[in-house]
Amino acid sequence: MSASGGTKAIVAALAANLAIAVAKFVAFVFSGSSSMLAESVHSLADSGNQGLLLLGGKKAQREATPQHPFGYGRERYIYAFLVSIVLFSVGGMFAIYEGYEKIKNPHELEHWYWPVGVLVFAILAESFSFRTAIKESNALRGKLSWKEFVRRAKAPELPVVLLEDLGALVGLVLALGGVGLALATGDGVWDGIGTLCIGILLIVIAVVLAAETKSLLLGEAAGIDEVAKIQSALVDGSTVTGVIHMRTLHLGPEELLVAAKIAVQHDDTATEVAAAINAAEARIREAVPIARVIYLEPDIYSETAAEAGTNPGKSPGGPAQDTEH
C-alpha cells in the first residue's frame, strides 16, 4: 500500500472533518441537541486522528540509526493504534456520557433547522471523503473483500480512514434519526438515545481498529502471495536447490525482512555459495521490491534428514520445501 494513496485519503478526510466539526458545533449552540454535540466531538476527534496518521507517516520516514537499525517504519502502526484509543476515549465514551445525561434530563430542541441542515451537509461531505478512501483502496485491494482488505492491509492508514468514514456516516444517520424522532414526538429523550447509539458505534469501531493495529505492532509476516514469490525467487535449481525454512516480518508497511536457510550442494565452493546468495537476494528484491532486509544462511541438504521427517518449516513463518541437515 503506497504512502501517497493513504495520504490523499487522510487529507480528504481531514478537510471534511474540520469543516463538519465547526458546522456541528454551531448547530449545537443554536439547537441544544446532544446528538450534535456528540457528533461535533466525534468529528473533532476524527480530525485529530487524521493528524496523528500524518504525523506517524512523517516520523516513519526517518533514517535508520545505530539504536534503531531497522528504521522507524512501525511508527505508522503506533500512531494508528493511538487513533483507536482517541476514538474510544474522546469519541465513544464522551458520546455515551452525553447520551446518558440527555436521556436523564431531556429538553426540547430549539431551532431544529440548524441540526437538520448541518447533518445533511455533513453526510454530503463525509460521502466525499468516504468515496476518496474507497477509490484509493480499490487500487490496492485487488480481489480481496472489504473485510479481508481491512484485516490483511499492512499499511494502516486506508483501513483506518475507511472505518472512520463509515462510522461517521452511520453516526450521522443515527444523529439525524434521533433529532427527527425528537422533533416528531416532542420528546428530547430520542436525541439522547441517538447520541448513545453513536457512542456505542464509535467504541465498536475503536475496538476493531485496536485489534488490527495490535497485530501489526506485534509483527506480521508477508502475505501468502509474497511468501510464494520469495520462495520461488530463492531457488535457482543449480546452487540453491531448496528452501529449508524461511521467516518474513514487516518492519513497516513498505519494508520487509526476509530470513531463510537455503539448501546448497555439498561440493559447492565458498565462492559459488556467496555468488548464489547474492544472486538470490537480487531475485527476491526484483520479485518483491519491499523485501529490503535479507539474511540468507546456506546449509547442506540431506535426503536422510528429509526422510526422517524433521521439518523446521512447520513452525510459523512459511512452509519449507526441504529439510535441514
Foldseek 3Di string as FASTA:
>chain_A
DDPVLLLVLLVLLLVLLVVLLVLLVVLCVQWVQLLSVLLSQLSVLSNVLSVLLVVLVVQQPDAADPVRNLGRQCSNLVSLLVSLVSLQPRRQVVLQVSLVVCLVPPAATGPLCSLVVSLVVSLVSLVVSLVSLVVSQCVPPPPDDPVCCCQQQQRNRSNSSNLSSVLSNVLSVLQNQLSVVCVVVVIRNSSSVSSNVSSVSSNVSSVVSNVRSVVSVVWDFDDPVLQVQLQVLLDPCAFFNWWQAKAKTDPHSQAIEIETETAGAPPDDPVRVVVSVVSSVVSSCVSRVNHDHYHYHYAHFDPVVQVVPDRPRVPPGHHTPGHGD
